[in-house]
């Protein structure tokens, strides 16, 4: 999926009230970023780069694999396929978004 398609899919999964209560950014390097704003009401997902409580560095391909359920986020972390900067507790709340 392209970053635009993935942003839309994440937005659909996140819904209007995700319970995230934080801003999380997927930093996809040269491909851009996807920002989940769980502080706004309704919650919002965009590609606008902004400050976040937690930033997850991951490739677009690996994020696609996680969203599809083909790559376990904990395994990806253990393999060094994703990096977490900031509040790790925020990253742990993402389980529901990663399930197909």
PDB file of N, CA and C in Angstrom:
ATOM      1  N   UNK A   1       0.838  -1.195   0.000  1.00  0.00           N
ATOM      2  CA  UNK A   1       0.000   0.000   0.000  1.00  0.00           C
ATOM      3  C   UNK A   1       0.870   1.241   0.000  1.00  0.00           C
ATOM      4  N   UNK A   2       0.401   2.265  -0.629  1.00  0.00           N
ATOM      5  CA  UNK A   2       1.105   3.549  -0.601  1.00  0.00           C
ATOM      6  C   UNK A   2       0.886   4.198   0.763  1.00  0.00           C
ATOM      7  N   UNK A   3       1.627   5.248   1.040  1.00  0.00           N
ATOM      8  CA  UNK A   3       1.472   5.945   2.320  1.00  0.00           C
ATOM      9  C   UNK A   3       0.063   6.528   2.450  1.00  0.00           C
ATOM     10  N   UNK A   4      -0.521   6.995   1.343  1.00  0.00           N
ATOM     11  CA  UNK A   4      -1.874   7.556   1.383  1.00  0.00           C
ATOM     12  C   UNK A   4      -2.905   6.476   1.728  1.00  0.00           C
ATOM     13  N   UNK A   5      -2.763   5.303   1.102  1.00  0.00           N
ATOM     14  CA  UNK A   5      -3.682   4.190   1.370  1.00  0.00           C
ATOM     15  C   UNK A   5      -3.536   3.698   2.809  1.00  0.00           C
ATOM     16  N   UNK A   6      -2.299   3.626   3.268  1.00  0.00           N
ATOM     17  CA  UNK A   6      -2.039   3.175   4.631  1.00  0.00           C
ATOM     18  C   UNK A   6      -2.575   4.172   5.654  1.00  0.00           C
ATOM     19  N   UNK A   7      -2.431   5.459   5.371  1.00  0.00           N
ATOM     20  CA  UNK A   7      -2.962   6.496   6.260  1.00  0.00           C
ATOM     21  C   UNK A   7      -4.476   6.362   6.384  1.00  0.00           C
ATOM     22  N   UNK A   8      -5.132   6.129   5.266  1.00  0.00           N
ATOM     23  CA  UNK A   8      -6.585   5.961   5.272  1.00  0.00           C
ATOM     24  C   UNK A   8      -6.991   4.727   6.077  1.00  0.00           C
ATOM     25  N   UNK A   9      -6.285   3.620   5.870  1.00  0.00           N
ATOM     26  CA  UNK A   9      -6.603   2.378   6.581  1.00  0.00           C
ATOM     27  C   UNK A   9      -6.410   2.550   8.092  1.00  0.00           C
ATOM     28  N   UNK A  10      -5.333   3.185   8.490  1.00  0.00           N
ATOM     29  CA  UNK A  10      -5.082   3.416   9.914  1.00  0.00           C
ATOM     30  C   UNK A  10      -6.166   4.321  10.492  1.00  0.00           C
ATOM     31  N   UNK A  11      -6.574   5.349   9.743  1.00  0.00           N
ATOM     32  CA  UNK A  11      -7.639   6.235  10.189  1.00  0.00           C
ATOM     33  C   UNK A  11      -8.950   5.493  10.410  1.00  0.00           C
ATOM     34  N   UNK A  12      -9.257   4.558   9.514  1.00  0.00           N
ATOM     35  CA  UNK A  12     -10.480   3.762   9.661  1.00  0.00           C
ATOM     36  C   UNK A  12     -10.405   2.887  10.907  1.00  0.00           C
ATOM     37  N   UNK A  13      -9.260   2.293  11.153  1.00  0.00           N
ATOM     38  CA  UNK A  13      -9.096   1.436  12.331  1.00  0.00           C
ATOM     39  C   UNK A  13      -9.096   2.253  13.617  1.00  0.00           C
ATOM     40  N   UNK A  14      -8.543   3.449  13.558  1.00  0.00           N
ATOM     41  CA  UNK A  14      -8.433   4.289  14.751  1.00  0.00           C
ATOM     42  C   UNK A  14      -9.802   4.793  15.197  1.00  0.00           C
ATOM     43  N   UNK A  15     -10.647   5.150  14.237  1.00  0.00           N
ATOM     44  CA  UNK A  15     -11.969   5.661  14.579  1.00  0.00           C
ATOM     45  C   UNK A  15     -11.910   7.050  15.182  1.00  0.00           C
ATOM     46  N   UNK A  16     -13.039   7.484  15.719  1.00  0.00           N
ATOM     47  CA  UNK A  16     -13.124   8.845  16.264  1.00  0.00           C
ATOM     48  C   UNK A  16     -12.612   8.950  17.690  1.00  0.00           C
ATOM     49  N   UNK A  17     -12.586   7.818  18.423  1.00  0.00           N
ATOM     50  CA  UNK A  17     -12.086   7.827  19.796  1.00  0.00           C
ATOM     51  C   UNK A  17     -11.326   6.533  20.048  1.00  0.00           C
ATOM     52  N   UNK A  18     -10.028   6.587  19.798  1.00  0.00           N
ATOM     53  CA  UNK A  18      -9.180   5.397  19.876  1.00  0.00           C
ATOM     54  C   UNK A  18      -8.788   5.032  21.298  1.00  0.00           C
ATOM     55  N   UNK A  19      -8.895   5.998  22.216  1.00  0.00           N
ATOM     56  CA  UNK A  19      -8.400   5.769  23.567  1.00  0.00           C
ATOM     57  C   UNK A  19      -6.893   5.946  23.662  1.00  0.00           C
ATOM     58  N   UNK A  20      -6.266   6.379  22.588  1.00  0.00           N
ATOM     59  CA  UNK A  20      -4.820   6.569  22.563  1.00  0.00           C
ATOM     60  C   UNK A  20      -4.399   7.708  23.501  1.00  0.00           C
ATOM     61  N   UNK A  21      -5.168   8.777  23.539  1.00  0.00           N
ATOM     62  CA  UNK A  21      -4.902   9.931  24.412  1.00  0.00           C
ATOM     63  C   UNK A  21      -3.477  10.468  24.292  1.00  0.00           C
ATOM     64  N   UNK A  22      -2.917  10.389  23.097  1.00  0.00           N
ATOM     65  CA  UNK A  22      -1.557  10.864  22.849  1.00  0.00           C
ATOM     66  C   UNK A  22      -1.389  11.070  21.349  1.00  0.00           C
ATOM     67  N   UNK A  23      -0.275  11.679  20.986  1.00  0.00           N
ATOM     68  CA  UNK A  23       0.069  11.836  19.574  1.00  0.00           C
ATOM     69  C   UNK A  23       1.224  10.879  19.277  1.00  0.00           C
ATOM     70  N   UNK A  24       1.025  10.035  18.273  1.00  0.00           N
ATOM     71  CA  UNK A  24       2.042   9.067  17.875  1.00  0.00           C
ATOM     72  C   UNK A  24       2.375   9.293  16.408  1.00  0.00           C
ATOM     73  N   UNK A  25       3.658   9.260  16.113  1.00  0.00           N
ATOM     74  CA  UNK A  25       4.099   9.465  14.726  1.00  0.00           C
ATOM     75  C   UNK A  25       4.860   8.242  14.245  1.00  0.00           C
ATOM     76  N   UNK A  26       4.459   7.724  13.079  1.00  0.00           N
ATOM     77  CA  UNK A  26       5.253   6.727  12.378  1.00  0.00           C
ATOM     78  C   UNK A  26       6.176   7.502  11.455  1.00  0.00           C
ATOM     79  N   UNK A  27       7.477   7.463  11.720  1.00  0.00           N
ATOM     80  CA  UNK A  27       8.468   8.111  10.866  1.00  0.00           C
ATOM     81  C   UNK A  27       8.927   7.085   9.850  1.00  0.00           C
ATOM     82  N   UNK A  28       8.522   7.291   8.592  1.00  0.00           N
ATOM     83  CA  UNK A  28       8.810   6.343   7.521  1.00  0.00           C
ATOM     84  C   UNK A  28      10.012   6.766   6.686  1.00  0.00           C
ATOM     85  N   UNK A  29      10.860   7.605   7.248  1.00  0.00           N
ATOM     86  CA  UNK A  29      12.061   8.056   6.548  1.00  0.00           C
ATOM     87  C   UNK A  29      11.718   8.881   5.326  1.00  0.00           C
ATOM     88  N   UNK A  30      12.309   8.545   4.191  1.00  0.00           N
ATOM     89  CA  UNK A  30      12.095   9.291   2.944  1.00  0.00           C
ATOM     90  C   UNK A  30      10.658   9.183   2.434  1.00  0.00           C
ATOM     91  N   UNK A  31       9.899   8.180   2.913  1.00  0.00           N
ATOM     92  CA  UNK A  31       8.509   8.011   2.471  1.00  0.00           C
ATOM     93  C   UNK A  31       7.549   8.966   3.174  1.00  0.00           C
ATOM     94  N   UNK A  32       7.988   9.634   4.236  1.00  0.00           N
ATOM     95  CA  UNK A  32       7.140  10.591   4.947  1.00  0.00           C
ATOM     96  C   UNK A  32       6.788  10.116   6.343  1.00  0.00           C
ATOM     97  N   UNK A  33       5.616  10.520   6.819  1.00  0.00           N
ATOM     98  CA  UNK A  33       5.188  10.135   8.157  1.00  0.00           C
ATOM     99  C   UNK A  33       3.674  10.007   8.211  1.00  0.00           C
ATOM    100  N   UNK A  34       3.231   9.255   9.208  1.00  0.00           N
ATOM    101  CA  UNK A  34       1.811   9.134   9.497  1.00  0.00           C
ATOM    102  C   UNK A  34       1.660   9.509  10.963  1.00  0.00           C
ATOM    103  N   UNK A  35       0.831  10.511  11.239  1.00  0.00           N
ATOM    104  CA  UNK A  35       0.641  10.996  12.602  1.00  0.00           C
ATOM    105  C   UNK A  35      -0.767  10.662  13.068  1.00  0.00           C
ATOM    106  N   UNK A  36      -0.833   9.972  14.210  1.00  0.00           N
ATOM    107  CA  UNK A  36      -2.099   9.621  14.837  1.00  0.00           C
ATOM    108  C   UNK A  36      -2.299  10.573  16.011  1.00  0.00           C
ATOM    109  N   UNK A  37      -3.304  11.416  15.921  1.00  0.00           N
ATOM    110  CA  UNK A  37      -3.580  12.391  16.979  1.00  0.00           C
ATOM    111  C   UNK A  37      -4.752  11.900  17.813  1.00  0.00           C
ATOM    112  N   UNK A  38      -4.430  11.221  18.902  1.00  0.00           N
ATOM    113  CA  UNK A  38      -5.441  10.705  19.805  1.00  0.00           C
ATOM    114  C   UNK A  38      -5.869  11.714  20.847  1.00  0.00           C
ATOM    115  N   UNK A  39      -5.285  12.917  20.803  1.00  0.00           N
ATOM    116  CA  UNK A  39      -5.674  13.979  21.734  1.00  0.00           C
ATOM    117  C   UNK A  39      -6.797  14.830  21.161  1.00  0.00           C
ATOM    118  N   UNK A  40      -6.914  14.860  19.841  1.00  0.00           N
ATOM    119  CA  UNK A  40      -7.952  15.671  19.206  1.00  0.00           C
ATOM    120  C   UNK A  40      -9.297  14.950  19.283  1.00  0.00           C
ATOM    121  N   UNK A  41     -10.355  15.720  19.199  1.00  0.00           N
ATOM    122  CA  UNK A  41     -11.696  15.135  19.218  1.00  0.00           C
ATOM    123  C   UNK A  41     -12.466  15.671  18.017  1.00  0.00           C
ATOM    124  N   UNK A  42     -12.820  14.824  17.036  1.00  0.00           N
ATOM    125  CA  UNK A  42     -12.496  13.399  16.977  1.00  0.00           C
ATOM    126  C   UNK A  42     -11.020  13.169  16.698  1.00  0.00           C
ATOM    127  N   UNK A  43     -10.546  11.946  16.975  1.00  0.00           N
ATOM    128  CA  UNK A  43      -9.165  11.595  16.677  1.00  0.00           C
ATOM    129  C   UNK A  43      -8.907  11.801  15.190  1.00  0.00           C
ATOM    130  N   UNK A  44      -7.651  12.065  14.847  1.00  0.00           N
ATOM    131  CA  UNK A  44      -7.305  12.354  13.456  1.00  0.00           C
ATOM    132  C   UNK A  44      -6.028  11.620  13.060  1.00  0.00           C
ATOM    133  N   UNK A  45      -5.934  11.304  11.787  1.00  0.00           N
ATOM    134  CA  UNK A  45      -4.736  10.692  11.220  1.00  0.00           C
ATOM    135  C   UNK A  45      -4.356  11.512   9.995  1.00  0.00           C
ATOM    136  N   UNK A  46      -3.084  11.894   9.903  1.00  0.00           N
ATOM    137  CA  UNK A  46      -2.646  12.713   8.779  1.00  0.00           C
ATOM    138  C   UNK A  46      -1.207  12.388   8.420  1.00  0.00           C
ATOM    139  N   UNK A  47      -0.732  13.044   7.386  1.00  0.00           N
ATOM    140  CA  UNK A  47       0.665  12.923   6.988  1.00  0.00           C
ATOM    141  C   UNK A  47       1.430  14.200   7.303  1.00  0.00           C
ATOM    142  N   UNK A  48       0.844  15.055   8.159  1.00  0.00           N
ATOM    143  CA  UNK A  48       1.480  16.302   8.564  1.00  0.00           C
ATOM    144  C   UNK A  48       2.498  16.021   9.661  1.00  0.00           C
ATOM    145  N   UNK A  49       3.759  16.338   9.394  1.00  0.00           N
ATOM    146  CA  UNK A  49       4.824  16.113  10.364  1.00  0.00           C
ATOM    147  C   UNK A  49       4.660  17.097  11.519  1.00  0.00           C
ATOM    148  N   UNK A  50       4.503  16.582  12.739  1.00  0.00           N
ATOM    149  CA  UNK A  50       4.401  17.439  13.912  1.00  0.00           C
ATOM    150  C   UNK A  50       4.963  16.712  15.110  1.00  0.00           C
ATOM    151  N   UNK A  51       5.145  17.444  16.211  1.00  0.00           N
ATOM    152  CA  UNK A  51       5.670  16.852  17.438  1.00  0.00           C
ATOM    153  C   UNK A  51       4.739  15.755  17.931  1.00  0.00           C
ATOM    154  N   UNK A  52       5.332  14.730  18.533  1.00  0.00           N
ATOM    155  CA  UNK A  52       4.548  13.591  19.010  1.00  0.00           C
ATOM    156  C   UNK A  52       5.054  13.151  20.382  1.00  0.00           C
ATOM    157  N   UNK A  53       4.168  12.506  21.138  1.00  0.00           N
ATOM    158  CA  UNK A  53       4.557  11.943  22.429  1.00  0.00           C
ATOM    159  C   UNK A  53       5.452  10.721  22.235  1.00  0.00           C
ATOM    160  N   UNK A  54       5.265  10.049  21.109  1.00  0.00           N
ATOM    161  CA  UNK A  54       6.039   8.856  20.784  1.00  0.00           C
ATOM    162  C   UNK A  54       6.239   8.812  19.273  1.00  0.00           C
ATOM    163  N   UNK A  55       7.467   8.534  18.856  1.00  0.00           N
ATOM    164  CA  UNK A  55       7.775   8.385  17.434  1.00  0.00           C
ATOM    165  C   UNK A  55       8.284   6.975  17.198  1.00  0.00           C
ATOM    166  N   UNK A  56       7.676   6.309  16.221  1.00  0.00           N
ATOM    167  CA  UNK A  56       8.080   4.959  15.852  1.00  0.00           C
ATOM    168  C   UNK A  56       8.747   5.046  14.487  1.00  0.00           C
ATOM    169  N   UNK A  57      10.020   4.728  14.445  1.00  0.00           N
ATOM    170  CA  UNK A  57      10.756   4.709  13.188  1.00  0.00           C
ATOM    171  C   UNK A  57      10.634   3.330  12.559  1.00  0.00           C
ATOM    172  N   UNK A  58      10.105   3.274  11.354  1.00  0.00           N
ATOM    173  CA  UNK A  58       9.863   2.005  10.667  1.00  0.00           C
ATOM    174  C   UNK A  58       9.801   2.271   9.161  1.00  0.00           C
ATOM    175  N   UNK A  59      10.098   1.265   8.364  1.00  0.00           N
ATOM    176  CA  UNK A  59       9.972   1.448   6.910  1.00  0.00           C
ATOM    177  C   UNK A  59       8.503   1.300   6.509  1.00  0.00           C
ATOM    178  N   UNK A  60       8.167   1.849   5.371  1.00  0.00           N
ATOM    179  CA  UNK A  60       6.804   1.725   4.852  1.00  0.00           C
ATOM    180  C   UNK A  60       6.451   0.254   4.632  1.00  0.00           C
ATOM    181  N   UNK A  61       7.389  -0.527   4.098  1.00  0.00           N
ATOM    182  CA  UNK A  61       7.136  -1.954   3.859  1.00  0.00           C
ATOM    183  C   UNK A  61       6.860  -2.702   5.161  1.00  0.00           C
ATOM    184  N   UNK A  62       7.657  -2.428   6.197  1.00  0.00           N
ATOM    185  CA  UNK A  62       7.463  -3.114   7.473  1.00  0.00           C
ATOM    186  C   UNK A  62       6.161  -2.683   8.144  1.00  0.00           C
ATOM    187  N   UNK A  63       5.792  -1.410   8.040  1.00  0.00           N
ATOM    188  CA  UNK A  63       4.516  -0.956   8.603  1.00  0.00           C
ATOM    189  C   UNK A  63       3.357  -1.626   7.871  1.00  0.00           C
ATOM    190  N   UNK A  64       3.449  -1.724   6.560  1.00  0.00           N
ATOM    191  CA  UNK A  64       2.433  -2.441   5.785  1.00  0.00           C
ATOM    192  C   UNK A  64       2.309  -3.887   6.269  1.00  0.00           C
ATOM    193  N   UNK A  65       3.436  -4.539   6.505  1.00  0.00           N
ATOM    194  CA  UNK A  65       3.432  -5.924   6.979  1.00  0.00           C
ATOM    195  C   UNK A  65       2.797  -6.040   8.358  1.00  0.00           C
ATOM    196  N   UNK A  66       3.059  -5.068   9.234  1.00  0.00           N
ATOM    197  CA  UNK A  66       2.453  -5.092  10.564  1.00  0.00           C
ATOM    198  C   UNK A  66       0.944  -4.895  10.484  1.00  0.00           C
ATOM    199  N   UNK A  67       0.502  -3.938   9.668  1.00  0.00           N
ATOM    200  CA  UNK A  67      -0.929  -3.671   9.523  1.00  0.00           C
ATOM    201  C   UNK A  67      -1.644  -4.886   8.919  1.00  0.00           C
ATOM    202  N   UNK A  68      -0.982  -5.577   8.005  1.00  0.00           N
ATOM    203  CA  UNK A  68      -1.565  -6.763   7.368  1.00  0.00           C
ATOM    204  C   UNK A  68      -1.548  -7.984   8.290  1.00  0.00           C
ATOM    205  N   UNK A  69      -0.825  -7.886   9.405  1.00  0.00           N
ATOM    206  CA  UNK A  69      -0.742  -9.017  10.329  1.00  0.00           C
ATOM    207  C   UNK A  69       0.351 -10.004   9.972  1.00  0.00           C
ATOM    208  N   UNK A  70       1.212  -9.641   9.028  1.00  0.00           N
ATOM    209  CA  UNK A  70       2.291 -10.527   8.595  1.00  0.00           C
ATOM    210  C   UNK A  70       3.571 -10.352   9.404  1.00  0.00           C
ATOM    211  N   UNK A  71       3.662  -9.265  10.187  1.00  0.00           N
ATOM    212  CA  UNK A  71       4.843  -8.987  11.004  1.00  0.00           C
ATOM    213  C   UNK A  71       4.377  -8.566  12.387  1.00  0.00           C
ATOM    214  N   UNK A  72       4.769  -9.335  13.391  1.00  0.00           N
ATOM    215  CA  UNK A  72       4.405  -9.023  14.771  1.00  0.00           C
ATOM    216  C   UNK A  72       5.218  -7.808  15.242  1.00  0.00           C
ATOM    217  N   UNK A  73       4.547  -6.782  15.791  1.00  0.00           N
ATOM    218  CA  UNK A  73       5.266  -5.582  16.228  1.00  0.00           C
ATOM    219  C   UNK A  73       6.366  -5.870  17.255  1.00  0.00           C
ATOM    220  N   UNK A  74       6.126  -6.790  18.175  1.00  0.00           N
ATOM    221  CA  UNK A  74       7.157  -7.112  19.173  1.00  0.00           C
ATOM    222  C   UNK A  74       8.350  -7.797  18.516  1.00  0.00           C
ATOM    223  N   UNK A  75       8.086  -8.666  17.551  1.00  0.00           N
ATOM    224  CA  UNK A  75       9.173  -9.315  16.814  1.00  0.00           C
ATOM    225  C   UNK A  75       9.945  -8.268  16.013  1.00  0.00           C
ATOM    226  N   UNK A  76       9.221  -7.344  15.385  1.00  0.00           N
ATOM    227  CA  UNK A  76       9.868  -6.283  14.616  1.00  0.00           C
ATOM    228  C   UNK A  76      10.783  -5.447  15.515  1.00  0.00           C
ATOM    229  N   UNK A  77      10.317  -5.156  16.717  1.00  0.00           N
ATOM    230  CA  UNK A  77      11.130  -4.388  17.675  1.00  0.00           C
ATOM    231  C   UNK A  77      12.385  -5.183  18.029  1.00  0.00           C
ATOM    232  N   UNK A  78      12.207  -6.467  18.328  1.00  0.00           N
ATOM    233  CA  UNK A  78      13.334  -7.316  18.690  1.00  0.00           C
ATOM    234  C   UNK A  78      14.348  -7.474  17.576  1.00  0.00           C
ATOM    235  N   UNK A  79      13.881  -7.447  16.347  1.00  0.00           N
ATOM    236  CA  UNK A  79      14.766  -7.578  15.185  1.00  0.00           C
ATOM    237  C   UNK A  79      15.384  -6.249  14.749  1.00  0.00           C
ATOM    238  N   UNK A  80      15.007  -5.167  15.443  1.00  0.00           N
ATOM    239  CA  UNK A  80      15.540  -3.853  15.086  1.00  0.00           C
ATOM    240  C   UNK A  80      14.862  -3.243  13.880  1.00  0.00           C
ATOM    241  N   UNK A  81      13.686  -3.766  13.490  1.00  0.00           N
ATOM    242  CA  UNK A  81      12.961  -3.236  12.330  1.00  0.00           C
ATOM    243  C   UNK A  81      12.151  -2.000  12.683  1.00  0.00           C
ATOM    244  N   UNK A  82      11.996  -1.725  13.990  1.00  0.00           N
ATOM    245  CA  UNK A  82      11.368  -0.473  14.383  1.00  0.00           C
ATOM    246  C   UNK A  82      12.061   0.067  15.612  1.00  0.00           C
ATOM    247  N   UNK A  83      12.070   1.377  15.703  1.00  0.00           N
ATOM    248  CA  UNK A  83      12.701   2.081  16.804  1.00  0.00           C
ATOM    249  C   UNK A  83      11.660   2.956  17.474  1.00  0.00           C
ATOM    250  N   UNK A  84      11.716   3.017  18.782  1.00  0.00           N
ATOM    251  CA  UNK A  84      10.744   3.820  19.518  1.00  0.00           C
ATOM    252  C   UNK A  84      11.478   4.929  20.251  1.00  0.00           C
ATOM    253  N   UNK A  85      11.012   6.154  20.042  1.00  0.00           N
ATOM    254  CA  UNK A  85      11.573   7.321  20.706  1.00  0.00           C
ATOM    255  C   UNK A  85      10.440   8.022  21.440  1.00  0.00           C
ATOM    256  N   UNK A  86      10.594   8.189  22.742  1.00  0.00           N
ATOM    257  CA  UNK A  86       9.545   8.840  23.517  1.00  0.00           C
ATOM    258  C   UNK A  86       8.844   7.835  24.418  1.00  0.00           C
ATOM    259  N   UNK A  87       7.569   8.054  24.656  1.00  0.00           N
ATOM    260  CA  UNK A  87       6.777   7.275  25.601  1.00  0.00           C
ATOM    261  C   UNK A  87       6.449   5.885  25.052  1.00  0.00           C
ATOM    262  N   UNK A  88       7.142   4.871  25.549  1.00  0.00           N
ATOM    263  CA  UNK A  88       6.924   3.498  25.101  1.00  0.00           C
ATOM    264  C   UNK A  88       5.501   3.041  25.422  1.00  0.00           C
ATOM    265  N   UNK A  89       4.891   3.564  26.475  1.00  0.00           N
ATOM    266  CA  UNK A  89       3.519   3.210  26.832  1.00  0.00           C
ATOM    267  C   UNK A  89       2.532   3.561  25.730  1.00  0.00           C
ATOM    268  N   UNK A  90       2.786   4.643  25.008  1.00  0.00           N
ATOM    269  CA  UNK A  90       1.937   5.038  23.891  1.00  0.00           C
ATOM    270  C   UNK A  90       2.035   3.998  22.790  1.00  0.00           C
ATOM    271  N   UNK A  91       3.250   3.559  22.488  1.00  0.00           N
ATOM    272  CA  UNK A  91       3.457   2.558  21.443  1.00  0.00           C
ATOM    273  C   UNK A  91       2.735   1.248  21.802  1.00  0.00           C
ATOM    274  N   UNK A  92       2.695   0.919  23.070  1.00  0.00           N
ATOM    275  CA  UNK A  92       2.068  -0.338  23.508  1.00  0.00           C
ATOM    276  C   UNK A  92       0.555  -0.326  23.302  1.00  0.00           C
ATOM    277  N   UNK A  93      -0.058   0.857  23.182  1.00  0.00           N
ATOM    278  CA  UNK A  93      -1.497   0.969  22.982  1.00  0.00           C
ATOM    279  C   UNK A  93      -1.925   0.691  21.532  1.00  0.00           C
ATOM    280  N   UNK A  94      -0.968   0.451  20.657  1.00  0.00           N
ATOM    281  CA  UNK A  94      -1.261   0.312  19.237  1.00  0.00           C
ATOM    282  C   UNK A  94      -1.711  -1.078  18.809  1.00  0.00           C
ATOM    283  N   UNK A  95      -1.791  -2.013  19.713  1.00  0.00           N
ATOM    284  CA  UNK A  95      -2.141  -3.382  19.361  1.00  0.00           C
ATOM    285  C   UNK A  95      -3.376  -3.510  18.497  1.00  0.00           C
ATOM    286  N   UNK A  96      -4.431  -2.770  18.827  1.00  0.00           N
ATOM    287  CA  UNK A  96      -5.683  -2.887  18.070  1.00  0.00           C
ATOM    288  C   UNK A  96      -5.547  -2.385  16.637  1.00  0.00           C
ATOM    289  N   UNK A  97      -4.653  -1.434  16.397  1.00  0.00           N
ATOM    290  CA  UNK A  97      -4.439  -0.927  15.038  1.00  0.00           C
ATOM    291  C   UNK A  97      -3.643  -1.898  14.184  1.00  0.00           C
ATOM    292  N   UNK A  98      -2.874  -2.756  14.828  1.00  0.00           N
ATOM    293  CA  UNK A  98      -2.010  -3.676  14.099  1.00  0.00           C
ATOM    294  C   UNK A  98      -2.724  -4.965  13.718  1.00  0.00           C
ATOM    295  N   UNK A  99      -3.932  -5.173  14.212  1.00  0.00           N
ATOM    296  CA  UNK A  99      -4.646  -6.411  13.912  1.00  0.00           C
ATOM    297  C   UNK A  99      -5.511  -6.221  12.667  1.00  0.00           C
ATOM    298  N   UNK A 100      -5.417  -7.187  11.774  1.00  0.00           N
ATOM    299  CA  UNK A 100      -6.192  -7.112  10.527  1.00  0.00           C
ATOM    300  C   UNK A 100      -7.663  -7.292  10.781  1.00  0.00           C
TER     301      UNK A 100
END
